Amino acid sequence: MKNKAKNETADESILDQTLRPTRWDEYIGQKHIKDNVKILLRAAEERGHIPEHILFYGPPGLGKTTLAHLIAKETGKQMKITSGPAIEKVGDLASILTNLASGDILFIDEIHRLNKIVEEILYPAMESGVLDIIIGKGPSARTIQLDLPPFTLIAATTRVAMVSSPLRSRFSGGVFRLEFYSNEEIAEIVRRSSKLLKTKLDEEALKEIAKRSRFTPRTANYFLKRARDFAQVHKKDLDKKTVREALDMLAIDDIGLNSSDRKFLEILIGKFDGGPVGLKTMGAAMSEEEATVEEVIEPYLIQLGLLERTSRGRVATKKAYDHLDFEYKKGGQNKLI
């Protein structure tokens, strides 16, 4: 059973790689970022330089890692991938940097979780291409300087406010925010993915997946694969009705809210009369980490106009009351209709 589970995970990983765009014209959406990055890469190539360092930020699943892969493919260079939490010590960073070849791309995901001591070692590496290592302790400590091969750092984060100002300023190639996608863009992504998966679905089914996908490509592809599985097991055509049945089984409602989203709104309205409520209180009430609430649950609710963040805390909008069939009484008790 363990081997079977391992094989299924590997197959799913290969599947995700298959769906990842490999050319700029396959990457749908984020036009302003694509245009800026293309100019950056073209100018660097014409000057015979490596591209400057780039930081991408935005909610999960919008394509930050995919952009890094596309840049590596465009430049024809190798990309080494790591994450902020994985670089625990200065030695970890030194090992990564000294093993880069000239022109390589280093991709650091979740860079906001980088250790501050490690971060300070990264500054001269980004600016001057050198690595300052302190050997020993106390009065006998000495610094040795290692020359590094020229490299491009591409970093990604979901919490740009937690990236220190000195680190942000060293991304001389640009700091770019990825925006949520439109339903039309998501539909185009699902159309492309269905062809790659050799899965036939009609236009209505495609639109149904798109409208529930939280404006996020990763979610759209996940829903497509689960709807395909459902249709296959139940020997059904992948039409709108089948998609609805598959997503209902996943507890995804008509506007893309999952059980955690609805629980958030139900607690906010039912327990706290719609707010305002602080992040810490909401996290405790949901038994969720604050970061999960802030980074995963809230952005989509805000995007749909179901939630407002105010200086006093989180507040449910009238639209949230209507969606959950709660009676809207501003400042009063709220109950299900």
Protein backbone atom coordinates (compact mmCIF):
# COMPACT_ATOMS: atom_id res chain seq x y z
CA MET A 1 0.00 0.00 0.00
CA LYS A 2 2.87 2.36 0.82
CA ASN A 3 4.44 1.81 -2.62
CA LYS A 4 1.08 2.36 -4.28
CA ALA A 5 0.58 5.66 -2.43
CA LYS A 6 4.13 6.71 -3.31
CA ASN A 7 3.54 5.91 -6.99
CA GLU A 8 0.26 7.86 -7.01
CA THR A 9 2.02 10.89 -5.48
CA ALA A 10 4.78 10.64 -8.08
CA ASP A 11 2.21 10.37 -10.89
CA GLU A 12 0.38 13.44 -9.56
CA SER A 13 3.67 15.37 -9.44
CA ILE A 14 4.46 14.40 -13.05
CA LEU A 15 0.92 15.45 -14.00
CA ASP A 16 1.41 18.90 -12.42
CA GLN A 17 4.69 19.31 -14.31
CA THR A 18 2.89 18.36 -17.54
CA LEU A 19 0.32 21.11 -17.00
CA ARG A 20 2.97 23.76 -16.29
CA PRO A 21 3.42 26.17 -19.24
CA THR A 22 6.80 25.82 -20.99
CA ARG A 23 6.57 28.86 -23.30
CA TRP A 24 5.54 32.46 -22.77
CA ASP A 25 2.59 32.12 -25.16
CA GLU A 26 1.28 29.21 -23.05
CA TYR A 27 1.35 31.28 -19.86
CA ILE A 28 -2.12 32.85 -19.65
CA GLY A 29 -2.69 36.08 -17.70
CA GLN A 30 -0.33 38.38 -15.73
CA LYS A 31 0.40 40.32 -18.94
CA HIS A 32 2.09 43.28 -17.21
CA ILE A 33 4.56 40.95 -15.48
CA LYS A 34 5.29 38.96 -18.63
CA ASP A 35 5.94 42.13 -20.63
CA ASN A 36 8.31 43.54 -18.00
CA VAL A 37 10.20 40.27 -17.53
CA LYS A 38 10.59 39.74 -21.29
CA ILE A 39 12.19 43.20 -21.63
CA LEU A 40 14.46 42.50 -18.65
CA LEU A 41 15.65 39.20 -20.16
CA ARG A 42 16.05 40.58 -23.68
CA ALA A 43 18.06 43.59 -22.49
CA ALA A 44 20.33 41.39 -20.34
CA GLU A 45 20.91 39.03 -23.28
CA GLU A 46 21.80 41.88 -25.64
CA ARG A 47 24.28 43.29 -23.13
CA GLY A 48 25.75 39.85 -22.46
CA HIS A 49 24.83 40.08 -18.77
CA ILE A 50 22.87 37.76 -16.51
CA PRO A 51 19.32 38.95 -15.61
CA GLU A 52 18.93 40.99 -12.43
CA HIS A 53 17.32 39.57 -9.29
CA ILE A 54 13.49 39.37 -9.26
CA LEU A 55 10.88 39.01 -6.49
CA PHE A 56 7.36 37.72 -7.19
CA TYR A 57 4.62 37.98 -4.56
CA GLY A 58 0.93 37.21 -4.26
CA PRO A 59 -1.50 34.56 -2.98
CA PRO A 60 -0.65 30.86 -3.43
CA GLY A 61 -1.29 29.14 -6.75
CA LEU A 62 -1.09 32.14 -9.09
CA GLY A 63 2.05 31.04 -10.98
CA LYS A 64 5.10 32.44 -9.19
CA THR A 65 7.07 29.19 -9.51
CA THR A 66 5.94 28.76 -13.11
CA LEU A 67 7.31 32.21 -13.98
CA ALA A 68 10.69 31.20 -12.49
CA HIS A 69 10.69 28.02 -14.62
CA LEU A 70 9.87 30.05 -17.74
CA ILE A 71 12.73 32.48 -17.05
CA ALA A 72 15.14 29.56 -16.65
CA LYS A 73 13.92 28.04 -19.92
CA GLU A 74 14.13 31.40 -21.72
CA THR A 75 17.73 31.96 -20.58
CA GLY A 76 18.71 28.33 -21.14
CA LYS A 77 20.19 28.12 -17.65
CA GLN A 78 19.87 25.57 -14.86
CA MET A 79 17.57 26.45 -11.96
CA LYS A 80 18.25 25.31 -8.40
CA ILE A 81 15.15 25.31 -6.21
CA THR A 82 14.98 25.73 -2.44
CA SER A 83 12.84 27.51 0.16
CA GLY A 84 13.32 29.90 3.06
CA PRO A 85 12.65 27.32 5.81
CA ALA A 86 15.08 24.85 4.19
CA ILE A 87 18.02 27.26 4.55
CA GLU A 88 18.43 27.05 8.31
CA LYS A 89 22.13 27.92 8.69
CA VAL A 90 24.72 30.06 6.94
CA GLY A 91 26.41 26.83 5.89
CA ASP A 92 23.26 25.74 4.03
CA LEU A 93 23.27 28.95 1.97
CA ALA A 94 27.04 28.75 1.39
CA SER A 95 26.67 25.19 0.09
CA ILE A 96 23.94 26.22 -2.35
CA LEU A 97 25.71 29.34 -3.64
CA THR A 98 29.15 27.76 -4.09
CA ASN A 99 27.63 24.92 -6.10
CA LEU A 100 26.01 27.24 -8.65
CA ALA A 101 27.48 27.43 -12.14
CA SER A 102 27.94 30.76 -13.91
CA GLY A 103 24.57 32.18 -15.00
CA ASP A 104 22.51 29.69 -12.96
CA ILE A 105 19.18 30.73 -11.46
CA LEU A 106 18.52 30.22 -7.75
CA PHE A 107 14.82 30.09 -6.88
CA ILE A 108 13.94 30.62 -3.21
CA ASP A 109 10.28 30.06 -2.36
CA GLU A 110 8.79 31.47 0.85
CA ILE A 111 11.71 33.87 1.14
CA HIS A 112 9.89 35.73 3.94
CA ARG A 113 10.73 32.75 6.18
CA LEU A 114 14.48 33.13 5.66
CA ASN A 115 16.57 33.23 8.84
CA LYS A 116 17.75 36.84 9.49
CA ILE A 117 21.42 35.82 9.91
CA VAL A 118 21.25 33.93 6.61
CA GLU A 119 19.53 36.92 5.01
CA GLU A 120 22.42 39.23 5.91
CA ILE A 121 24.90 36.83 4.28
CA LEU A 122 22.73 36.92 1.15
CA TYR A 123 23.09 40.73 0.74
CA PRO A 124 26.72 40.81 -0.49
CA ALA A 125 26.08 37.69 -2.57
CA MET A 126 23.28 39.50 -4.41
CA GLU A 127 25.06 42.84 -4.72
CA SER A 128 28.74 42.00 -5.21
CA GLY A 129 28.83 38.28 -5.94
CA VAL A 130 30.83 37.48 -2.80
CA LEU A 131 30.19 35.33 0.22
CA ASP A 132 31.49 36.57 3.59
CA ILE A 133 32.08 33.70 6.00
CA ILE A 134 33.07 34.29 9.63
CA ILE A 135 35.37 31.58 10.99
CA GLY A 136 35.82 31.20 14.73
CA LYS A 137 34.37 33.18 17.63
CA GLY A 138 35.37 36.09 19.80
CA PRO A 139 38.61 38.08 19.28
CA SER A 140 40.17 35.34 17.16
CA ALA A 141 37.27 35.28 14.66
CA ARG A 142 38.17 36.18 11.10
CA THR A 143 36.24 36.74 7.89
CA ILE A 144 37.06 35.06 4.63
CA GLN A 145 35.56 36.22 1.36
CA LEU A 146 34.65 33.77 -1.38
CA ASP A 147 33.98 34.88 -4.95
CA LEU A 148 30.76 33.45 -6.33
CA PRO A 149 29.84 32.71 -9.95
CA PRO A 150 27.38 35.27 -11.41
CA PHE A 151 23.81 34.13 -10.66
CA THR A 152 20.23 35.38 -10.74
CA LEU A 153 18.08 35.10 -7.64
CA ILE A 154 14.35 34.70 -8.23
CA ALA A 155 12.32 34.69 -5.03
CA ALA A 156 8.65 34.18 -4.25
CA THR A 157 6.52 35.00 -1.24
CA THR A 158 2.91 35.11 -0.19
CA ARG A 159 3.71 37.71 2.51
CA VAL A 160 5.72 40.53 1.01
CA ALA A 161 5.29 42.70 4.12
CA MET A 162 7.42 40.17 6.02
CA VAL A 163 10.31 40.54 3.55
CA SER A 164 12.65 43.11 5.10
CA SER A 165 13.14 46.42 3.31
CA PRO A 166 16.93 45.87 2.83
CA LEU A 167 16.26 42.52 1.14
CA ARG A 168 13.42 43.89 -1.02
CA SER A 169 15.61 46.73 -2.25
CA ARG A 170 18.19 44.29 -3.60
CA PHE A 171 15.79 42.85 -6.17
CA SER A 172 17.01 45.26 -8.81
CA GLY A 173 15.15 43.48 -11.62
CA GLY A 174 11.81 44.30 -10.04
CA VAL A 175 9.28 43.38 -7.39
CA PHE A 176 6.11 42.12 -9.08
CA ARG A 177 2.69 41.37 -7.63
CA LEU A 178 0.68 38.56 -9.23
CA GLU A 179 -3.03 39.38 -9.43
CA PHE A 180 -6.01 37.05 -9.28
CA TYR A 181 -7.13 35.79 -12.69
CA SER A 182 -10.41 36.59 -14.44
CA ASN A 183 -12.96 33.81 -15.05
CA GLU A 184 -12.16 34.08 -18.78
CA GLU A 185 -8.44 33.52 -18.15
CA ILE A 186 -9.17 30.57 -15.84
CA ALA A 187 -11.47 29.06 -18.48
CA GLU A 188 -8.65 29.35 -21.03
CA ILE A 189 -6.25 27.62 -18.61
CA VAL A 190 -8.75 24.79 -18.00
CA ARG A 191 -9.24 24.43 -21.78
CA ARG A 192 -5.47 24.06 -22.28
CA SER A 193 -5.11 21.63 -19.35
CA SER A 194 -7.98 19.44 -20.56
CA LYS A 195 -6.23 19.03 -23.92
CA LEU A 196 -2.96 18.06 -22.20
CA LEU A 197 -4.84 15.56 -20.03
CA LYS A 198 -6.70 14.27 -23.10
CA THR A 199 -9.94 14.94 -21.23
CA LYS A 200 -13.02 15.92 -23.18
CA LEU A 201 -15.37 18.39 -21.51
CA ASP A 202 -17.99 20.72 -22.95
CA GLU A 203 -17.98 24.51 -22.72
CA GLU A 204 -20.56 24.64 -19.91
CA ALA A 205 -18.52 22.22 -17.80
CA LEU A 206 -15.42 24.30 -18.43
CA LYS A 207 -17.19 27.48 -17.26
CA GLU A 208 -18.51 25.69 -14.18
CA ILE A 209 -14.96 24.72 -13.14
CA ALA A 210 -13.69 28.23 -13.87
CA LYS A 211 -16.31 30.06 -11.78
CA ARG A 212 -15.59 27.90 -8.71
CA SER A 213 -11.79 28.03 -9.00
CA ARG A 214 -11.09 30.99 -6.69
CA PHE A 215 -9.53 32.91 -9.64
CA THR A 216 -6.51 30.60 -9.19
CA PRO A 217 -4.94 28.32 -11.87
CA ARG A 218 -3.70 25.72 -9.36
CA THR A 219 -7.22 25.30 -7.96
CA ALA A 220 -8.72 25.14 -11.46
CA ASN A 221 -6.35 22.35 -12.49
CA TYR A 222 -7.07 20.49 -9.25
CA PHE A 223 -10.84 20.69 -9.84
CA LEU A 224 -10.40 19.56 -13.45
CA LYS A 225 -8.46 16.46 -12.36
CA ARG A 226 -10.96 15.58 -9.63
CA ALA A 227 -13.94 16.07 -11.98
CA ARG A 228 -12.19 13.87 -14.57
CA ASP A 229 -11.66 11.16 -11.91
CA PHE A 230 -15.32 11.38 -10.82
CA ALA A 231 -16.55 11.07 -14.41
CA GLN A 232 -14.23 8.14 -15.07
CA VAL A 233 -15.24 6.16 -11.97
CA HIS A 234 -18.98 6.78 -12.48
CA LYS A 235 -18.74 6.21 -16.26
CA LYS A 236 -20.24 9.63 -17.04
CA ASP A 237 -19.60 12.31 -19.64
CA LEU A 238 -17.73 15.28 -18.25
CA ASP A 239 -20.55 17.79 -18.61
CA LYS A 240 -21.81 20.58 -16.36
CA LYS A 241 -23.98 18.23 -14.26
CA THR A 242 -21.05 15.86 -13.63
CA VAL A 243 -18.74 18.74 -12.70
CA ARG A 244 -21.31 20.04 -10.22
CA GLU A 245 -21.67 16.57 -8.66
CA ALA A 246 -17.88 16.18 -8.40
CA LEU A 247 -17.36 19.60 -6.80
CA ASP A 248 -20.33 19.14 -4.47
CA MET A 249 -18.58 15.99 -3.23
CA LEU A 250 -15.53 18.18 -2.48
CA ALA A 251 -17.84 20.60 -0.57
CA ILE A 252 -17.18 23.42 -3.06
CA ASP A 253 -20.22 25.66 -3.44
CA ASP A 254 -21.46 27.68 -6.43
CA ILE A 255 -19.05 30.58 -5.90
CA GLY A 256 -16.05 28.45 -4.99
CA LEU A 257 -16.22 28.58 -1.19
CA ASN A 258 -14.95 25.46 0.56
CA SER A 259 -15.86 24.21 4.04
CA SER A 260 -13.12 26.33 5.69
CA ASP A 261 -14.35 29.50 3.98
CA ARG A 262 -17.93 28.87 5.07
CA LYS A 263 -16.83 27.98 8.60
CA PHE A 264 -14.94 31.29 8.77
CA LEU A 265 -18.02 33.29 7.74
CA GLU A 266 -20.39 31.26 9.93
CA ILE A 267 -18.19 31.87 13.00
CA LEU A 268 -17.74 35.55 12.15
CA ILE A 269 -21.48 36.09 11.71
CA GLY A 270 -22.96 33.53 14.11
CA LYS A 271 -20.55 33.88 17.02
CA PHE A 272 -19.30 37.46 16.65
CA ASP A 273 -22.32 39.17 15.04
CA GLY A 274 -20.39 39.89 11.86
CA GLY A 275 -17.43 41.57 13.53
CA PRO A 276 -15.21 43.45 13.82
CA VAL A 277 -13.00 40.59 15.07
CA GLY A 278 -9.20 40.39 15.29
CA LEU A 279 -7.13 37.84 13.36
CA LYS A 280 -5.91 36.10 16.53
CA THR A 281 -9.48 35.61 17.78
CA MET A 282 -10.65 34.22 14.42
CA GLY A 283 -7.69 31.85 14.27
CA ALA A 284 -8.44 30.56 17.77
CA ALA A 285 -12.17 30.21 17.05
CA MET A 286 -11.43 28.18 13.91
CA SER A 287 -8.52 26.21 15.44
CA GLU A 288 -6.41 27.42 12.51
CA GLU A 289 -3.02 29.10 12.38
CA GLU A 290 -3.24 32.86 11.88
CA ALA A 291 -1.08 32.61 8.74
CA THR A 292 -3.53 30.11 7.19
CA VAL A 293 -6.48 32.40 7.90
CA GLU A 294 -4.71 35.48 6.56
CA GLU A 295 -3.00 33.94 3.51
CA VAL A 296 -5.34 31.16 2.39
CA ILE A 297 -8.89 31.89 3.55
CA GLU A 298 -9.26 35.67 3.65
CA PRO A 299 -7.90 36.79 0.23
CA TYR A 300 -10.64 35.02 -1.75
CA LEU A 301 -13.40 36.20 0.62
CA ILE A 302 -12.17 39.78 0.22
CA GLN A 303 -11.95 39.35 -3.56
CA LEU A 304 -15.61 38.24 -3.64
CA GLY A 305 -16.69 41.15 -1.43
CA LEU A 306 -17.77 38.86 1.43
CA LEU A 307 -15.24 40.21 3.93
CA GLU A 308 -13.67 43.54 4.82
CA ARG A 309 -10.48 44.12 6.78
CA THR A 310 -10.78 47.27 8.89
CA SER A 311 -8.53 48.89 11.47
CA ARG A 312 -10.74 47.31 14.16
CA GLY A 313 -10.76 43.81 12.66
CA ARG A 314 -12.57 41.53 10.21
CA VAL A 315 -16.14 42.43 9.22
CA ALA A 316 -18.64 40.33 7.23
CA THR A 317 -20.44 42.22 4.45
CA LYS A 318 -24.15 42.03 3.63
CA LYS A 319 -23.19 39.87 0.66
CA ALA A 320 -21.77 37.28 3.09
CA TYR A 321 -25.01 37.26 5.09
CA ASP A 322 -27.03 36.78 1.90
CA HIS A 323 -24.81 33.95 0.65
CA LEU A 324 -25.14 32.00 3.90
CA ASP A 325 -28.85 32.87 4.30
CA PHE A 326 -28.30 34.81 7.51
CA GLU A 327 -30.65 37.66 8.33
CA TYR A 328 -28.71 40.91 8.05
CA LYS A 329 -29.10 43.06 11.16
CA LYS A 330 -26.29 45.54 11.44
CA GLY A 331 -25.10 45.69 15.03
CA GLY A 332 -27.69 43.16 16.17
CA GLN A 333 -28.09 39.42 16.62
CA ASN A 334 -27.92 37.36 13.44
CA LYS A 335 -29.78 34.17 12.74
CA LEU A 336 -30.38 31.78 9.87
CA ILE A 337 -33.47 32.55 7.82
